[in-house]
Amino acid sequence: MPRYADPGAVQWVESGGGPLIAIPETVLPFWAGADGDDMSCDYDRACDVEGFIGLLPVGDTRALVLGDEPASTTYLPEHGTFVRWRAARSEDELLAAVPTALERAEWDPEEEAEWTVPGPVVLFEAVWSGTSSESRDRLRVVLEPGRYGVRAAFVEPRPGTRVGLVQLRRLTP
């Protein structure tokens, strides 16, 4: 599979066609991906998420599903945002457009979710199990334990540059 930004300024997680998922490290062993005995495996649950984001129970917490269409994704801690590469001529062009995209984003308050995390999360393709994801394309995202508001938007900050944004905003305890 071609990588958009290899090597680049940031690490991108790729998808072979399914959704990406951010799972707290503490519950990685509980995510079975496409493996499982049930009629509906974890991967199927992730694929059933409609829209840009969704939360699924995993162990004693929840995982964040980045739905809609597959897109190379990274996390920019300075913006508290997962950035999903939809269209851009280069990684530099896309990353330079993020501040403008965040300013122009039309966040739908009805679509905002509340996500409580116990600490760092791992972003990877939902088809893989949490334990096998260690040897695959993945990104560790350091988050402080606590509650976050999660919101998503799709933005075209300039002609030819399109980006999906999934922003995490720390909520007061």
C-alpha atoms as a PDB file:
ATOM      1  CA  MET A   1       0.000   0.000   0.000  1.00  0.00           C
ATOM      2  CA  PRO A   2       1.489   3.404  -0.868  1.00  0.00           C
ATOM      3  CA  ARG A   3       2.155   5.746   2.009  1.00  0.00           C
ATOM      4  CA  TYR A   4       1.404   9.415   1.576  1.00  0.00           C
ATOM      5  CA  ALA A   5       4.219  10.746   3.707  1.00  0.00           C
ATOM      6  CA  ASP A   6       7.062   8.276   3.892  1.00  0.00           C
ATOM      7  CA  PRO A   7       9.238   9.461   5.600  1.00  0.00           C
ATOM      8  CA  GLY A   8       7.660  12.651   6.797  1.00  0.00           C
ATOM      9  CA  ALA A   9       7.410  15.156   9.589  1.00  0.00           C
ATOM     10  CA  VAL A  10       4.883  13.024  11.472  1.00  0.00           C
ATOM     11  CA  GLN A  11       3.952   9.367  11.658  1.00  0.00           C
ATOM     12  CA  TRP A  12       0.841   8.424   9.677  1.00  0.00           C
ATOM     13  CA  VAL A  13      -1.315   5.363  10.296  1.00  0.00           C
ATOM     14  CA  GLU A  14      -2.720   3.777   7.148  1.00  0.00           C
ATOM     15  CA  SER A  15      -5.874   1.783   6.574  1.00  0.00           C
ATOM     16  CA  GLY A  16      -6.366  -1.015   4.074  1.00  0.00           C
ATOM     17  CA  GLY A  17     -10.016  -0.005   3.805  1.00  0.00           C
ATOM     18  CA  GLY A  18     -11.537  -0.272   7.271  1.00  0.00           C
ATOM     19  CA  PRO A  19     -11.880   2.215  10.107  1.00  0.00           C
ATOM     20  CA  LEU A  20      -9.073   3.230  12.429  1.00  0.00           C
ATOM     21  CA  ILE A  21      -9.518   2.903  16.166  1.00  0.00           C
ATOM     22  CA  ALA A  22      -7.864   4.566  19.162  1.00  0.00           C
ATOM     23  CA  ILE A  23      -7.848   2.171  22.107  1.00  0.00           C
ATOM     24  CA  PRO A  24      -6.543   2.876  25.607  1.00  0.00           C
ATOM     25  CA  GLU A  25      -3.338   0.892  26.119  1.00  0.00           C
ATOM     26  CA  THR A  26      -4.740  -0.691  29.276  1.00  0.00           C
ATOM     27  CA  VAL A  27      -7.391  -2.590  27.288  1.00  0.00           C
ATOM     28  CA  LEU A  28      -5.506  -3.468  24.086  1.00  0.00           C
ATOM     29  CA  PRO A  29      -5.648  -7.230  24.848  1.00  0.00           C
ATOM     30  CA  PHE A  30      -9.458  -7.064  24.875  1.00  0.00           C
ATOM     31  CA  TRP A  31      -9.720  -5.896  21.241  1.00  0.00           C
ATOM     32  CA  ALA A  32     -10.012  -8.978  18.962  1.00  0.00           C
ATOM     33  CA  GLY A  33     -10.222  -7.127  15.629  1.00  0.00           C
ATOM     34  CA  ALA A  34     -11.558  -9.424  12.897  1.00  0.00           C
ATOM     35  CA  ASP A  35     -10.828 -12.526  14.994  1.00  0.00           C
ATOM     36  CA  GLY A  36     -13.468 -13.990  17.215  1.00  0.00           C
ATOM     37  CA  ASP A  37     -16.110 -16.649  17.597  1.00  0.00           C
ATOM     38  CA  ASP A  38     -19.135 -14.404  17.777  1.00  0.00           C
ATOM     39  CA  MET A  39     -21.465 -13.640  14.903  1.00  0.00           C
ATOM     40  CA  SER A  40     -20.256 -10.039  15.119  1.00  0.00           C
ATOM     41  CA  CYS A  41     -16.564  -9.483  15.805  1.00  0.00           C
ATOM     42  CA  ASP A  42     -14.968  -6.279  17.114  1.00  0.00           C
ATOM     43  CA  TYR A  43     -14.035  -5.228  13.587  1.00  0.00           C
ATOM     44  CA  ASP A  44     -17.692  -5.543  12.525  1.00  0.00           C
ATOM     45  CA  ARG A  45     -18.697  -3.344  15.465  1.00  0.00           C
ATOM     46  CA  ALA A  46     -16.184  -0.704  14.340  1.00  0.00           C
ATOM     47  CA  CYS A  47     -17.443  -0.901  10.746  1.00  0.00           C
ATOM     48  CA  ASP A  48     -21.006  -0.337  11.974  1.00  0.00           C
ATOM     49  CA  VAL A  49     -20.102   3.132  13.284  1.00  0.00           C
ATOM     50  CA  GLU A  50     -21.834   5.735  11.137  1.00  0.00           C
ATOM     51  CA  GLY A  51     -20.336   9.159  10.621  1.00  0.00           C
ATOM     52  CA  PHE A  52     -16.928  10.537  11.511  1.00  0.00           C
ATOM     53  CA  ILE A  53     -16.627   9.214  15.080  1.00  0.00           C
ATOM     54  CA  GLY A  54     -18.084   6.669  17.471  1.00  0.00           C
ATOM     55  CA  LEU A  55     -17.299   5.094  20.821  1.00  0.00           C
ATOM     56  CA  LEU A  56     -17.293   1.351  21.453  1.00  0.00           C
ATOM     57  CA  PRO A  57     -16.976  -0.515  24.754  1.00  0.00           C
ATOM     58  CA  VAL A  58     -13.668  -2.345  25.157  1.00  0.00           C
ATOM     59  CA  GLY A  59     -12.882  -3.923  28.505  1.00  0.00           C
ATOM     60  CA  ASP A  60     -13.821  -1.456  31.244  1.00  0.00           C
ATOM     61  CA  THR A  61     -13.501   1.622  29.031  1.00  0.00           C
ATOM     62  CA  ARG A  62     -14.296   2.735  25.487  1.00  0.00           C
ATOM     63  CA  ALA A  63     -12.368   3.080  22.242  1.00  0.00           C
ATOM     64  CA  LEU A  64     -12.713   5.882  19.721  1.00  0.00           C
ATOM     65  CA  VAL A  65     -13.558   4.787  16.179  1.00  0.00           C
ATOM     66  CA  LEU A  66     -12.538   7.108  13.356  1.00  0.00           C
ATOM     67  CA  GLY A  67     -15.240   6.261  10.857  1.00  0.00           C
ATOM     68  CA  ASP A  68     -16.417   7.572   7.512  1.00  0.00           C
ATOM     69  CA  GLU A  69     -13.896   6.710   4.793  1.00  0.00           C
ATOM     70  CA  PRO A  70     -10.401   5.340   5.391  1.00  0.00           C
ATOM     71  CA  ALA A  71      -7.702   8.011   5.410  1.00  0.00           C
ATOM     72  CA  SER A  72      -4.098   8.226   6.524  1.00  0.00           C
ATOM     73  CA  THR A  73      -4.238   9.650  10.031  1.00  0.00           C
ATOM     74  CA  THR A  74      -1.865  11.209  12.521  1.00  0.00           C
ATOM     75  CA  TYR A  75      -2.236  12.978  15.853  1.00  0.00           C
ATOM     76  CA  LEU A  76      -0.994  16.511  16.372  1.00  0.00           C
ATOM     77  CA  PRO A  77      -0.684  17.048  20.137  1.00  0.00           C
ATOM     78  CA  GLU A  78      -0.207  20.814  19.749  1.00  0.00           C
ATOM     79  CA  HIS A  79      -3.771  20.936  18.371  1.00  0.00           C
ATOM     80  CA  GLY A  80      -5.193  17.990  20.334  1.00  0.00           C
ATOM     81  CA  THR A  81      -6.408  16.685  16.995  1.00  0.00           C
ATOM     82  CA  PHE A  82      -6.347  13.568  14.848  1.00  0.00           C
ATOM     83  CA  VAL A  83      -5.701  14.785  11.301  1.00  0.00           C
ATOM     84  CA  ARG A  84      -7.058  12.658   8.456  1.00  0.00           C
ATOM     85  CA  TRP A  85      -5.409  13.167   5.051  1.00  0.00           C
ATOM     86  CA  ARG A  86      -8.133  13.428   2.406  1.00  0.00           C
ATOM     87  CA  ALA A  87      -6.320  15.433  -0.291  1.00  0.00           C
ATOM     88  CA  ALA A  88      -3.129  17.474  -0.500  1.00  0.00           C
ATOM     89  CA  ARG A  89      -0.137  17.583  -2.792  1.00  0.00           C
ATOM     90  CA  SER A  90       2.301  17.055   0.071  1.00  0.00           C
ATOM     91  CA  GLU A  91       2.529  16.422   3.768  1.00  0.00           C
ATOM     92  CA  ASP A  92       3.926  19.937   4.269  1.00  0.00           C
ATOM     93  CA  GLU A  93       0.925  21.433   2.461  1.00  0.00           C
ATOM     94  CA  LEU A  94      -1.528  19.421   4.539  1.00  0.00           C
ATOM     95  CA  LEU A  95       0.137  20.179   7.888  1.00  0.00           C
ATOM     96  CA  ALA A  96       0.413  23.877   7.047  1.00  0.00           C
ATOM     97  CA  ALA A  97      -3.341  23.957   6.378  1.00  0.00           C
ATOM     98  CA  VAL A  98      -4.316  22.477   9.769  1.00  0.00           C
ATOM     99  CA  PRO A  99      -4.536  25.798  11.703  1.00  0.00           C
ATOM    100  CA  THR A 100      -6.779  27.271   8.994  1.00  0.00           C
ATOM    101  CA  ALA A 101      -8.851  24.087   8.900  1.00  0.00           C
ATOM    102  CA  LEU A 102      -9.355  24.261  12.674  1.00  0.00           C
ATOM    103  CA  GLU A 103     -10.454  27.918  12.409  1.00  0.00           C
ATOM    104  CA  ARG A 104     -12.921  27.131   9.603  1.00  0.00           C
ATOM    105  CA  ALA A 105     -14.255  23.858  11.006  1.00  0.00           C
ATOM    106  CA  GLU A 106     -17.987  23.739  11.514  1.00  0.00           C
ATOM    107  CA  TRP A 107     -18.345  21.535  14.571  1.00  0.00           C
ATOM    108  CA  ASP A 108     -21.779  20.011  15.091  1.00  0.00           C
ATOM    109  CA  PRO A 109     -22.519  20.087  18.847  1.00  0.00           C
ATOM    110  CA  GLU A 110     -25.097  17.324  18.340  1.00  0.00           C
ATOM    111  CA  GLU A 111     -22.321  15.022  17.106  1.00  0.00           C
ATOM    112  CA  GLU A 112     -19.911  15.646  19.992  1.00  0.00           C
ATOM    113  CA  ALA A 113     -19.093  12.666  22.194  1.00  0.00           C
ATOM    114  CA  GLU A 114     -17.605  12.419  25.663  1.00  0.00           C
ATOM    115  CA  TRP A 115     -14.670  10.028  25.980  1.00  0.00           C
ATOM    116  CA  THR A 116     -13.008   9.096  29.260  1.00  0.00           C
ATOM    117  CA  VAL A 117      -9.512   7.672  28.904  1.00  0.00           C
ATOM    118  CA  PRO A 118      -7.263   6.118  31.563  1.00  0.00           C
ATOM    119  CA  GLY A 119      -4.099   7.361  29.805  1.00  0.00           C
ATOM    120  CA  PRO A 120      -2.268   6.821  26.502  1.00  0.00           C
ATOM    121  CA  VAL A 121      -4.120   5.303  23.543  1.00  0.00           C
ATOM    122  CA  VAL A 122      -2.942   3.411  20.478  1.00  0.00           C
ATOM    123  CA  LEU A 123      -4.267   4.235  17.006  1.00  0.00           C
ATOM    124  CA  PHE A 124      -4.345   1.391  14.454  1.00  0.00           C
ATOM    125  CA  GLU A 125      -6.556  -0.276  11.877  1.00  0.00           C
ATOM    126  CA  ALA A 126      -9.574  -1.855  13.599  1.00  0.00           C
ATOM    127  CA  VAL A 127      -9.195  -5.146  11.683  1.00  0.00           C
ATOM    128  CA  TRP A 128      -6.148  -6.096  13.806  1.00  0.00           C
ATOM    129  CA  SER A 129      -6.311  -7.414  17.351  1.00  0.00           C
ATOM    130  CA  GLY A 130      -4.920  -5.208  20.082  1.00  0.00           C
ATOM    131  CA  THR A 131      -2.046  -7.597  20.661  1.00  0.00           C
ATOM    132  CA  SER A 132      -1.144  -8.078  16.999  1.00  0.00           C
ATOM    133  CA  SER A 133      -1.278  -4.334  16.417  1.00  0.00           C
ATOM    134  CA  GLU A 134       2.145  -4.106  18.105  1.00  0.00           C
ATOM    135  CA  SER A 135       3.770  -5.467  14.984  1.00  0.00           C
ATOM    136  CA  ARG A 136       1.676  -3.398  12.581  1.00  0.00           C
ATOM    137  CA  ASP A 137       1.161   0.204  11.556  1.00  0.00           C
ATOM    138  CA  ARG A 138       0.214   2.052  14.741  1.00  0.00           C
ATOM    139  CA  LEU A 139       0.678   5.287  16.630  1.00  0.00           C
ATOM    140  CA  ARG A 140       0.883   5.742  20.391  1.00  0.00           C
ATOM    141  CA  VAL A 141      -0.882   8.930  21.498  1.00  0.00           C
ATOM    142  CA  VAL A 142      -0.062  10.250  24.956  1.00  0.00           C
ATOM    143  CA  LEU A 143      -3.213  11.545  26.626  1.00  0.00           C
ATOM    144  CA  GLU A 144      -3.594  12.561  30.241  1.00  0.00           C
ATOM    145  CA  PRO A 145      -6.184  10.454  32.078  1.00  0.00           C
ATOM    146  CA  GLY A 146      -9.558  12.141  32.148  1.00  0.00           C
ATOM    147  CA  ARG A 147     -12.624  13.203  30.217  1.00  0.00           C
ATOM    148  CA  TYR A 148     -12.455  14.609  26.700  1.00  0.00           C
ATOM    149  CA  GLY A 149     -15.013  16.133  24.399  1.00  0.00           C
ATOM    150  CA  VAL A 150     -14.561  14.613  20.940  1.00  0.00           C
ATOM    151  CA  ARG A 151     -15.792  16.416  17.859  1.00  0.00           C
ATOM    152  CA  ALA A 152     -15.237  15.932  14.149  1.00  0.00           C
ATOM    153  CA  ALA A 153     -15.370  17.985  10.981  1.00  0.00           C
ATOM    154  CA  PHE A 154     -14.409  17.744   7.333  1.00  0.00           C
ATOM    155  CA  VAL A 155     -12.748  20.902   5.981  1.00  0.00           C
ATOM    156  CA  GLU A 156     -11.351  22.192   2.697  1.00  0.00           C
ATOM    157  CA  PRO A 157      -9.047  24.962   3.990  1.00  0.00           C
ATOM    158  CA  ARG A 158      -7.744  25.796   0.487  1.00  0.00           C
ATOM    159  CA  PRO A 159      -8.436  24.512  -3.028  1.00  0.00           C
ATOM    160  CA  GLY A 160      -7.109  20.980  -3.464  1.00  0.00           C
ATOM    161  CA  THR A 161      -6.530  20.432   0.262  1.00  0.00           C
ATOM    162  CA  ARG A 162      -9.138  18.467   2.196  1.00  0.00           C
ATOM    163  CA  VAL A 163      -8.711  17.256   5.749  1.00  0.00           C
ATOM    164  CA  GLY A 164     -10.755  15.421   8.349  1.00  0.00           C
ATOM    165  CA  LEU A 165     -10.359  16.655  11.922  1.00  0.00           C
ATOM    166  CA  VAL A 166     -11.162  14.769  15.110  1.00  0.00           C
ATOM    167  CA  GLN A 167     -10.426  17.100  17.985  1.00  0.00           C
ATOM    168  CA  LEU A 168     -10.074  16.111  21.636  1.00  0.00           C
ATOM    169  CA  ARG A 169     -10.846  18.857  24.141  1.00  0.00           C
ATOM    170  CA  ARG A 170     -10.086  18.262  27.818  1.00  0.00           C
ATOM    171  CA  LEU A 171     -13.219  18.586  29.960  1.00  0.00           C
ATOM    172  CA  THR A 172     -13.126  19.771  33.540  1.00  0.00           C
ATOM    173  CA  PRO A 173     -13.525  17.016  36.122  1.00  0.00           C
END
